[in-house]
Full PDB file with SEQRES, HELIX, SHEET, SSBOND, CRYST1, ORIGX, SCALE, CONECT and MASTER records, all heavy atoms in Angstrom:
SEQRES   1 A   34  SER ALA PHE TYR GLY PRO PHE ARG ASP ALA LEU GLU SER          
SEQRES   2 A   34  ALA PRO LYS PHE GLY ASP LYS LYS THR TYR GLN MET ASN          
SEQRES   3 A   34  PRO ALA ASN THR ARG GLU ALA LEU                              
HELIX    1 AA1 ALA A    2  TYR A    4  5                                   3    
HELIX    2 AA2 GLY A    5  LEU A   11  1                                   7    
CRYST1    1.000    1.000    1.000  90.00  90.00  90.00 P 1           1          
ORIGX1      1.000000  0.000000  0.000000        0.00000                         
ORIGX2      0.000000  1.000000  0.000000        0.00000                         
ORIGX3      0.000000  0.000000  1.000000        0.00000                         
SCALE1      1.000000  0.000000  0.000000        0.00000                         
SCALE2      0.000000  1.000000  0.000000        0.00000                         
SCALE3      0.000000  0.000000  1.000000        0.00000                         
ATOM      1  N   SER A   1       0.810  -1.212   0.000  1.00  0.00           N  
ATOM      2  CA  SER A   1       0.000   0.000   0.000  1.00  0.00           C  
ATOM      3  C   SER A   1       0.844   1.262   0.000  1.00  0.00           C  
ATOM      4  O   SER A   1       1.967   1.288   0.522  1.00  0.00           O  
ATOM      5  CB  SER A   1      -0.907  -0.017   1.239  1.00  0.00           C  
ATOM      6  OG  SER A   1      -1.588   1.213   1.401  1.00  0.00           O  
ATOM      7  N   ALA A   2       0.256   2.333  -0.526  1.00  0.00           N  
ATOM      8  CA  ALA A   2       0.886   3.652  -0.478  1.00  0.00           C  
ATOM      9  C   ALA A   2       0.667   4.337   0.863  1.00  0.00           C  
ATOM     10  O   ALA A   2       1.223   5.410   1.106  1.00  0.00           O  
ATOM     11  CB  ALA A   2       0.309   4.529  -1.590  1.00  0.00           C  
ATOM     12  N   PHE A   3      -0.116   3.726   1.749  1.00  0.00           N  
ATOM     13  CA  PHE A   3      -0.514   4.369   2.998  1.00  0.00           C  
ATOM     14  C   PHE A   3       0.425   4.082   4.177  1.00  0.00           C  
ATOM     15  O   PHE A   3       0.089   4.384   5.312  1.00  0.00           O  
ATOM     16  CB  PHE A   3      -1.944   3.958   3.366  1.00  0.00           C  
ATOM     17  CG  PHE A   3      -2.984   4.528   2.453  1.00  0.00           C  
ATOM     18  CD1 PHE A   3      -3.548   3.747   1.463  1.00  0.00           C  
ATOM     19  CD2 PHE A   3      -3.393   5.851   2.572  1.00  0.00           C  
ATOM     20  CE1 PHE A   3      -4.514   4.268   0.604  1.00  0.00           C  
ATOM     21  CE2 PHE A   3      -4.347   6.385   1.713  1.00  0.00           C  
ATOM     22  CZ  PHE A   3      -4.914   5.593   0.726  1.00  0.00           C  
ATOM     23  N   TYR A   4       1.592   3.505   3.923  1.00  0.00           N  
ATOM     24  CA  TYR A   4       2.514   3.161   5.009  1.00  0.00           C  
ATOM     25  C   TYR A   4       3.625   4.186   5.221  1.00  0.00           C  
ATOM     26  O   TYR A   4       4.439   4.037   6.135  1.00  0.00           O  
ATOM     27  CB  TYR A   4       3.182   1.800   4.741  1.00  0.00           C  
ATOM     28  CG  TYR A   4       2.252   0.633   4.585  1.00  0.00           C  
ATOM     29  CD1 TYR A   4       2.607  -0.443   3.765  1.00  0.00           C  
ATOM     30  CD2 TYR A   4       1.038   0.578   5.241  1.00  0.00           C  
ATOM     31  CE1 TYR A   4       1.764  -1.535   3.613  1.00  0.00           C  
ATOM     32  CE2 TYR A   4       0.183  -0.509   5.096  1.00  0.00           C  
ATOM     33  CZ  TYR A   4       0.562  -1.561   4.273  1.00  0.00           C  
ATOM     34  OH  TYR A   4      -0.266  -2.643   4.123  1.00  0.00           O  
ATOM     35  N   GLY A   5       3.684   5.216   4.383  1.00  0.00           N  
ATOM     36  CA  GLY A   5       4.801   6.143   4.421  1.00  0.00           C  
ATOM     37  C   GLY A   5       5.114   6.740   5.780  1.00  0.00           C  
ATOM     38  O   GLY A   5       6.270   6.701   6.233  1.00  0.00           O  
ATOM     39  N   PRO A   6       4.136   7.315   6.495  1.00  0.00           N  
ATOM     40  CA  PRO A   6       4.442   7.908   7.803  1.00  0.00           C  
ATOM     41  C   PRO A   6       4.969   6.902   8.818  1.00  0.00           C  
ATOM     42  O   PRO A   6       5.820   7.245   9.647  1.00  0.00           O  
ATOM     43  CB  PRO A   6       3.088   8.494   8.237  1.00  0.00           C  
ATOM     44  CG  PRO A   6       2.376   8.771   6.958  1.00  0.00           C  
ATOM     45  CD  PRO A   6       2.765   7.645   6.052  1.00  0.00           C  
ATOM     46  N   PHE A   7       4.496   5.659   8.761  1.00  0.00           N  
ATOM     47  CA  PHE A   7       4.999   4.624   9.666  1.00  0.00           C  
ATOM     48  C   PHE A   7       6.493   4.391   9.426  1.00  0.00           C  
ATOM     49  O   PHE A   7       7.278   4.253  10.372  1.00  0.00           O  
ATOM     50  CB  PHE A   7       4.231   3.321   9.442  1.00  0.00           C  
ATOM     51  CG  PHE A   7       4.701   2.162  10.286  1.00  0.00           C  
ATOM     52  CD1 PHE A   7       4.135   1.911  11.529  1.00  0.00           C  
ATOM     53  CD2 PHE A   7       5.699   1.306   9.836  1.00  0.00           C  
ATOM     54  CE1 PHE A   7       4.558   0.839  12.306  1.00  0.00           C  
ATOM     55  CE2 PHE A   7       6.138   0.242  10.605  1.00  0.00           C  
ATOM     56  CZ  PHE A   7       5.553   0.003  11.839  1.00  0.00           C  
ATOM     57  N   ARG A   8       6.890   4.367   8.170  1.00  0.00           N  
ATOM     58  CA  ARG A   8       8.313   4.167   7.865  1.00  0.00           C  
ATOM     59  C   ARG A   8       9.143   5.359   8.322  1.00  0.00           C  
ATOM     60  O   ARG A   8      10.309   5.208   8.691  1.00  0.00           O  
ATOM     61  CB  ARG A   8       8.494   3.873   6.374  1.00  0.00           C  
ATOM     62  CG  ARG A   8       7.907   2.506   5.999  1.00  0.00           C  
ATOM     63  CD  ARG A   8       7.905   2.229   4.522  1.00  0.00           C  
ATOM     64  NE  ARG A   8       7.232   0.958   4.249  1.00  0.00           N  
ATOM     65  CZ  ARG A   8       6.826   0.567   3.060  1.00  0.00           C  
ATOM     66  NH1 ARG A   8       7.045   1.336   2.009  1.00  0.00           N  
ATOM     67  NH2 ARG A   8       6.214  -0.586   2.900  1.00  0.00           N  
ATOM     68  N   ASP A   9       8.536   6.558   8.329  1.00  0.00           N  
ATOM     69  CA  ASP A   9       9.213   7.707   8.924  1.00  0.00           C  
ATOM     70  C   ASP A   9       9.419   7.479  10.417  1.00  0.00           C  
ATOM     71  O   ASP A   9      10.484   7.797  10.969  1.00  0.00           O  
ATOM     72  CB  ASP A   9       8.389   8.983   8.731  1.00  0.00           C  
ATOM     73  CG  ASP A   9       8.312   9.443   7.285  1.00  0.00           C  
ATOM     74  OD1 ASP A   9       9.148   8.971   6.477  1.00  0.00           O  
ATOM     75  OD2 ASP A   9       7.432  10.254   6.970  1.00  0.00           O  
ATOM     76  N   ALA A  10       8.404   6.946  11.067  1.00  0.00           N  
ATOM     77  CA  ALA A  10       8.455   6.743  12.518  1.00  0.00           C  
ATOM     78  C   ALA A  10       9.554   5.766  12.904  1.00  0.00           C  
ATOM     79  O   ALA A  10      10.243   5.943  13.907  1.00  0.00           O  
ATOM     80  CB  ALA A  10       7.105   6.253  13.027  1.00  0.00           C  
ATOM     81  N   LEU A  11       9.723   4.712  12.113  1.00  0.00           N  
ATOM     82  CA  LEU A  11      10.724   3.691  12.426  1.00  0.00           C  
ATOM     83  C   LEU A  11      12.034   3.900  11.672  1.00  0.00           C  
ATOM     84  O   LEU A  11      13.014   3.205  11.949  1.00  0.00           O  
ATOM     85  CB  LEU A  11      10.183   2.290  12.110  1.00  0.00           C  
ATOM     86  CG  LEU A  11       9.026   1.773  12.954  1.00  0.00           C  
ATOM     87  CD1 LEU A  11       8.832   0.283  12.715  1.00  0.00           C  
ATOM     88  CD2 LEU A  11       9.255   2.026  14.438  1.00  0.00           C  
ATOM     89  N   GLU A  12      12.018   4.820  10.710  1.00  0.00           N  
ATOM     90  CA  GLU A  12      13.198   5.033   9.854  1.00  0.00           C  
ATOM     91  C   GLU A  12      13.653   3.693   9.277  1.00  0.00           C  
ATOM     92  O   GLU A  12      14.819   3.309   9.359  1.00  0.00           O  
ATOM     93  CB  GLU A  12      14.319   5.713  10.654  1.00  0.00           C  
ATOM     94  CG  GLU A  12      13.912   7.088  11.180  1.00  0.00           C  
ATOM     95  CD  GLU A  12      14.941   7.718  12.092  1.00  0.00           C  
ATOM     96  OE1 GLU A  12      15.531   6.987  12.919  1.00  0.00           O  
ATOM     97  OE2 GLU A  12      15.146   8.942  11.986  1.00  0.00           O  
ATOM     98  N   SER A  13      12.670   2.999   8.674  1.00  0.00           N  
ATOM     99  CA  SER A  13      12.924   1.619   8.234  1.00  0.00           C  
ATOM    100  C   SER A  13      12.515   1.370   6.787  1.00  0.00           C  
ATOM    101  O   SER A  13      12.140   0.258   6.436  1.00  0.00           O  
ATOM    102  CB  SER A  13      12.153   0.648   9.142  1.00  0.00           C  
ATOM    103  OG  SER A  13      10.752   0.864   9.023  1.00  0.00           O  
ATOM    104  N   ALA A  14      12.542   2.389   5.959  1.00  0.00           N  
ATOM    105  CA  ALA A  14      12.180   2.200   4.554  1.00  0.00           C  
ATOM    106  C   ALA A  14      13.170   1.253   3.873  1.00  0.00           C  
ATOM    107  O   ALA A  14      14.354   1.205   4.232  1.00  0.00           O  
ATOM    108  CB  ALA A  14      12.165   3.540   3.830  1.00  0.00           C  
ATOM    109  N   PRO A  15      12.707   0.480   2.880  1.00  0.00           N  
ATOM    110  CA  PRO A  15      13.621  -0.421   2.165  1.00  0.00           C  
ATOM    111  C   PRO A  15      14.764   0.349   1.519  1.00  0.00           C  
ATOM    112  O   PRO A  15      14.577   1.436   0.983  1.00  0.00           O  
ATOM    113  CB  PRO A  15      12.726  -1.063   1.098  1.00  0.00           C  
ATOM    114  CG  PRO A  15      11.336  -0.886   1.573  1.00  0.00           C  
ATOM    115  CD  PRO A  15      11.331   0.382   2.363  1.00  0.00           C  
ATOM    116  N   LYS A  16      15.945  -0.252   1.568  1.00  0.00           N  
ATOM    117  CA  LYS A  16      17.122   0.390   0.971  1.00  0.00           C  
ATOM    118  C   LYS A  16      17.143   0.227  -0.550  1.00  0.00           C  
ATOM    119  O   LYS A  16      17.885   0.917  -1.240  1.00  0.00           O  
ATOM    120  CB  LYS A  16      18.406  -0.191   1.576  1.00  0.00           C  
ATOM    121  CG  LYS A  16      18.520  -0.003   3.080  1.00  0.00           C  
ATOM    122  CD  LYS A  16      18.559   1.465   3.474  1.00  0.00           C  
ATOM    123  CE  LYS A  16      18.952   1.662   4.931  1.00  0.00           C  
ATOM    124  NZ  LYS A  16      17.957   1.119   5.886  1.00  0.00           N  
ATOM    125  N   PHE A  17      16.341  -0.691  -1.061  1.00  0.00           N  
ATOM    126  CA  PHE A  17      16.235  -0.871  -2.507  1.00  0.00           C  
ATOM    127  C   PHE A  17      14.877  -1.490  -2.811  1.00  0.00           C  
ATOM    128  O   PHE A  17      14.266  -2.156  -1.973  1.00  0.00           O  
ATOM    129  CB  PHE A  17      17.342  -1.795  -3.034  1.00  0.00           C  
ATOM    130  CG  PHE A  17      17.184  -3.235  -2.581  1.00  0.00           C  
ATOM    131  CD1 PHE A  17      16.478  -4.152  -3.353  1.00  0.00           C  
ATOM    132  CD2 PHE A  17      17.703  -3.657  -1.364  1.00  0.00           C  
ATOM    133  CE1 PHE A  17      16.327  -5.463  -2.932  1.00  0.00           C  
ATOM    134  CE2 PHE A  17      17.559  -4.966  -0.938  1.00  0.00           C  
ATOM    135  CZ  PHE A  17      16.870  -5.875  -1.718  1.00  0.00           C  
ATOM    136  N   GLY A  18      14.390  -1.250  -4.001  1.00  0.00           N  
ATOM    137  CA  GLY A  18      13.170  -1.899  -4.479  1.00  0.00           C  
ATOM    138  C   GLY A  18      11.946  -1.563  -3.646  1.00  0.00           C  
ATOM    139  O   GLY A  18      11.834  -0.502  -3.031  1.00  0.00           O  
ATOM    140  N   ASP A  19      10.995  -2.507  -3.641  1.00  0.00           N  
ATOM    141  CA  ASP A  19       9.752  -2.337  -2.894  1.00  0.00           C  
ATOM    142  C   ASP A  19       9.397  -3.669  -2.250  1.00  0.00           C  
ATOM    143  O   ASP A  19      10.211  -4.590  -2.218  1.00  0.00           O  
ATOM    144  CB  ASP A  19       8.627  -1.834  -3.810  1.00  0.00           C  
ATOM    145  CG  ASP A  19       8.435  -2.719  -5.043  1.00  0.00           C  
ATOM    146  OD1 ASP A  19       8.527  -3.964  -4.910  1.00  0.00           O  
ATOM    147  OD2 ASP A  19       8.202  -2.181  -6.137  1.00  0.00           O  
ATOM    148  N   LYS A  20       8.186  -3.769  -1.716  1.00  0.00           N  
ATOM    149  CA  LYS A  20       7.789  -4.971  -0.969  1.00  0.00           C  
ATOM    150  C   LYS A  20       6.726  -5.789  -1.712  1.00  0.00           C  
ATOM    151  O   LYS A  20       6.035  -6.601  -1.112  1.00  0.00           O  
ATOM    152  CB  LYS A  20       7.290  -4.570   0.417  1.00  0.00           C  
ATOM    153  CG  LYS A  20       8.351  -3.842   1.237  1.00  0.00           C  
ATOM    154  CD  LYS A  20       7.950  -3.676   2.705  1.00  0.00           C  
ATOM    155  CE  LYS A  20       9.066  -3.037   3.505  1.00  0.00           C  
ATOM    156  NZ  LYS A  20       8.784  -3.000   4.964  1.00  0.00           N  
ATOM    157  N   LYS A  21       6.657  -5.602  -3.017  1.00  0.00           N  
ATOM    158  CA  LYS A  21       5.576  -6.224  -3.774  1.00  0.00           C  
ATOM    159  C   LYS A  21       5.738  -7.723  -3.979  1.00  0.00           C  
ATOM    160  O   LYS A  21       4.781  -8.387  -4.386  1.00  0.00           O  
ATOM    161  CB  LYS A  21       5.424  -5.526  -5.125  1.00  0.00           C  
ATOM    162  CG  LYS A  21       4.910  -4.098  -4.989  1.00  0.00           C  
ATOM    163  CD  LYS A  21       4.769  -3.420  -6.340  1.00  0.00           C  
ATOM    164  CE  LYS A  21       4.265  -1.992  -6.182  1.00  0.00           C  
ATOM    165  NZ  LYS A  21       4.134  -1.302  -7.492  1.00  0.00           N  
ATOM    166  N   THR A  22       6.922  -8.286  -3.720  1.00  0.00           N  
ATOM    167  CA  THR A  22       7.072  -9.739  -3.868  1.00  0.00           C  
ATOM    168  C   THR A  22       6.561 -10.485  -2.636  1.00  0.00           C  
ATOM    169  O   THR A  22       6.466 -11.705  -2.664  1.00  0.00           O  
ATOM    170  CB  THR A  22       8.532 -10.146  -4.127  1.00  0.00           C  
ATOM    171  OG1 THR A  22       9.328  -9.837  -2.978  1.00  0.00           O  
ATOM    172  CG2 THR A  22       9.074  -9.454  -5.358  1.00  0.00           C  
ATOM    173  N   TYR A  23       6.243  -9.764  -1.559  1.00  0.00           N  
ATOM    174  CA  TYR A  23       5.673 -10.449  -0.398  1.00  0.00           C  
ATOM    175  C   TYR A  23       4.385  -9.810   0.105  1.00  0.00           C  
ATOM    176  O   TYR A  23       3.498 -10.509   0.584  1.00  0.00           O  
ATOM    177  CB  TYR A  23       6.696 -10.620   0.737  1.00  0.00           C  
ATOM    178  CG  TYR A  23       7.532  -9.431   1.128  1.00  0.00           C  
ATOM    179  CD1 TYR A  23       7.232  -8.688   2.259  1.00  0.00           C  
ATOM    180  CD2 TYR A  23       8.677  -9.089   0.400  1.00  0.00           C  
ATOM    181  CE1 TYR A  23       8.029  -7.625   2.652  1.00  0.00           C  
ATOM    182  CE2 TYR A  23       9.476  -8.040   0.786  1.00  0.00           C  
ATOM    183  CZ  TYR A  23       9.143  -7.283   1.912  1.00  0.00           C  
ATOM    184  OH  TYR A  23       9.949  -6.238   2.301  1.00  0.00           O  
ATOM    185  N   GLN A  24       4.226  -8.495  -0.017  1.00  0.00           N  
ATOM    186  CA  GLN A  24       2.932  -7.901   0.310  1.00  0.00           C  
ATOM    187  C   GLN A  24       1.992  -8.029  -0.884  1.00  0.00           C  
ATOM    188  O   GLN A  24       2.428  -8.164  -2.017  1.00  0.00           O  
ATOM    189  CB  GLN A  24       3.114  -6.440   0.710  1.00  0.00           C  
ATOM    190  CG  GLN A  24       3.897  -6.293   2.012  1.00  0.00           C  
ATOM    191  CD  GLN A  24       4.130  -4.848   2.412  1.00  0.00           C  
ATOM    192  OE1 GLN A  24       3.724  -3.913   1.722  1.00  0.00           O  
ATOM    193  NE2 GLN A  24       4.797  -4.655   3.540  1.00  0.00           N  
ATOM    194  N   MET A  25       0.687  -7.963  -0.615  1.00  0.00           N  
ATOM    195  CA  MET A  25      -0.298  -8.337  -1.629  1.00  0.00           C  
ATOM    196  C   MET A  25      -0.614  -7.221  -2.626  1.00  0.00           C  
ATOM    197  O   MET A  25      -0.531  -6.041  -2.313  1.00  0.00           O  
ATOM    198  CB  MET A  25      -1.602  -8.780  -0.945  1.00  0.00           C  
ATOM    199  CG  MET A  25      -1.526 -10.133  -0.282  1.00  0.00           C  
ATOM    200  SD  MET A  25      -3.073 -10.560   0.540  1.00  0.00           S  
ATOM    201  CE  MET A  25      -4.253 -10.278  -0.784  1.00  0.00           C  
ATOM    202  N   ASN A  26      -1.033  -7.639  -3.806  1.00  0.00           N  
ATOM    203  CA  ASN A  26      -1.486  -6.747  -4.865  1.00  0.00           C  
ATOM    204  C   ASN A  26      -2.844  -6.142  -4.470  1.00  0.00           C  
ATOM    205  O   ASN A  26      -3.796  -6.878  -4.205  1.00  0.00           O  
ATOM    206  CB  ASN A  26      -1.618  -7.556  -6.160  1.00  0.00           C  
ATOM    207  CG  ASN A  26      -2.005  -6.695  -7.348  1.00  0.00           C  
ATOM    208  OD1 ASN A  26      -2.508  -5.588  -7.214  1.00  0.00           O  
ATOM    209  ND2 ASN A  26      -1.798  -7.225  -8.545  1.00  0.00           N  
ATOM    210  N   PRO A  27      -2.970  -4.797  -4.414  1.00  0.00           N  
ATOM    211  CA  PRO A  27      -4.242  -4.181  -4.039  1.00  0.00           C  
ATOM    212  C   PRO A  27      -5.420  -4.579  -4.916  1.00  0.00           C  
ATOM    213  O   PRO A  27      -6.582  -4.385  -4.519  1.00  0.00           O  
ATOM    214  CB  PRO A  27      -3.951  -2.681  -4.166  1.00  0.00           C  
ATOM    215  CG  PRO A  27      -2.485  -2.563  -3.922  1.00  0.00           C  
ATOM    216  CD  PRO A  27      -1.893  -3.798  -4.557  1.00  0.00           C  
ATOM    217  N   ALA A  28      -5.175  -5.162  -6.077  1.00  0.00           N  
ATOM    218  CA  ALA A  28      -6.256  -5.557  -6.973  1.00  0.00           C  
ATOM    219  C   ALA A  28      -6.924  -6.871  -6.568  1.00  0.00           C  
ATOM    220  O   ALA A  28      -7.978  -7.224  -7.100  1.00  0.00           O  
ATOM    221  CB  ALA A  28      -5.720  -5.689  -8.403  1.00  0.00           C  
ATOM    222  N   ASN A  29      -6.313  -7.613  -5.628  1.00  0.00           N  
ATOM    223  CA  ASN A  29      -6.740  -8.996  -5.391  1.00  0.00           C  
ATOM    224  C   ASN A  29      -7.584  -9.171  -4.135  1.00  0.00           C  
ATOM    225  O   ASN A  29      -7.231  -8.690  -3.058  1.00  0.00           O  
ATOM    226  CB  ASN A  29      -5.515  -9.905  -5.286  1.00  0.00           C  
ATOM    227  CG  ASN A  29      -4.777 -10.018  -6.609  1.00  0.00           C  
ATOM    228  OD1 ASN A  29      -5.232  -9.495  -7.627  1.00  0.00           O  
ATOM    229  ND2 ASN A  29      -3.644 -10.686  -6.597  1.00  0.00           N  
ATOM    230  N   THR A  30      -8.686  -9.930  -4.322  1.00  0.00           N  
ATOM    231  CA  THR A  30      -9.584 -10.300  -3.224  1.00  0.00           C  
ATOM    232  C   THR A  30      -9.440 -11.772  -2.880  1.00  0.00           C  
ATOM    233  O   THR A  30      -9.281 -12.140  -1.709  1.00  0.00           O  
ATOM    234  CB  THR A  30     -11.046 -10.017  -3.603  1.00  0.00           C  
ATOM    235  OG1 THR A  30     -11.212  -8.614  -3.836  1.00  0.00           O  
ATOM    236  CG2 THR A  30     -11.988 -10.456  -2.497  1.00  0.00           C  
ATOM    237  N   ARG A  31      -9.509 -12.648  -3.876  1.00  0.00           N  
ATOM    238  CA  ARG A  31      -9.460 -14.091  -3.620  1.00  0.00           C  
ATOM    239  C   ARG A  31      -8.151 -14.496  -2.960  1.00  0.00           C  
ATOM    240  O   ARG A  31      -8.107 -15.413  -2.142  1.00  0.00           O  
ATOM    241  CB  ARG A  31      -9.649 -14.863  -4.925  1.00  0.00           C  
ATOM    242  CG  ARG A  31     -11.067 -14.754  -5.479  1.00  0.00           C  
ATOM    243  CD  ARG A  31     -11.191 -15.424  -6.832  1.00  0.00           C  
ATOM    244  NE  ARG A  31     -12.546 -15.304  -7.351  1.00  0.00           N  
ATOM    245  CZ  ARG A  31     -12.871 -15.431  -8.621  1.00  0.00           C  
ATOM    246  NH1 ARG A  31     -11.910 -15.686  -9.515  1.00  0.00           N  
ATOM    247  NH2 ARG A  31     -14.115 -15.314  -9.023  1.00  0.00           N  
ATOM    248  N   GLU A  32      -7.087 -13.809  -3.326  1.00  0.00           N  
ATOM    249  CA  GLU A  32      -5.793 -14.092  -2.724  1.00  0.00           C  
ATOM    250  C   GLU A  32      -5.829 -13.848  -1.210  1.00  0.00           C  
ATOM    251  O   GLU A  32      -5.190 -14.557  -0.435  1.00  0.00           O  
ATOM    252  CB  GLU A  32      -4.718 -13.224  -3.372  1.00  0.00           C  
ATOM    253  CG  GLU A  32      -3.304 -13.550  -2.907  1.00  0.00           C  
ATOM    254  CD  GLU A  32      -2.264 -12.652  -3.551  1.00  0.00           C  
ATOM    255  OE1 GLU A  32      -2.635 -11.665  -4.223  1.00  0.00           O  
ATOM    256  OE2 GLU A  32      -1.070 -12.935  -3.373  1.00  0.00           O  
ATOM    257  N   ALA A  33      -6.596 -12.838  -0.784  1.00  0.00           N  
ATOM    258  CA  ALA A  33      -6.729 -12.560   0.650  1.00  0.00           C  
ATOM    259  C   ALA A  33      -7.404 -13.729   1.357  1.00  0.00           C  
ATOM    260  O   ALA A  33      -7.022 -14.097   2.482  1.00  0.00           O  
ATOM    261  CB  ALA A  33      -7.530 -11.278   0.862  1.00  0.00           C  
ATOM    262  N   LEU A  34      -8.393 -14.317   0.723  1.00  0.00           N  
ATOM    263  CA  LEU A  34      -9.065 -15.481   1.307  1.00  0.00           C  
ATOM    264  C   LEU A  34      -8.112 -16.669   1.400  1.00  0.00           C  
ATOM    265  O   LEU A  34      -8.134 -17.423   2.381  1.00  0.00           O  
ATOM    266  CB  LEU A  34     -10.297 -15.845   0.481  1.00  0.00           C  
ATOM    267  CG  LEU A  34     -11.455 -14.847   0.551  1.00  0.00           C  
ATOM    268  CD1 LEU A  34     -12.531 -15.213  -0.466  1.00  0.00           C  
ATOM    269  CD2 LEU A  34     -12.048 -14.795   1.949  1.00  0.00           C  
TER     270      LEU A  34                                                      
MASTER        0    0    0    2    0    0    0    6  269    1    0    3          
END                                                                             
């Protein structure tokens, strides 16, 4: 999600490279959540 930015400011823990899309879920998917 794009809504995690302030949390990463709080922990100063943003990824040093890339993103988290290979383990966090695609916002388009419902069945995958089930």
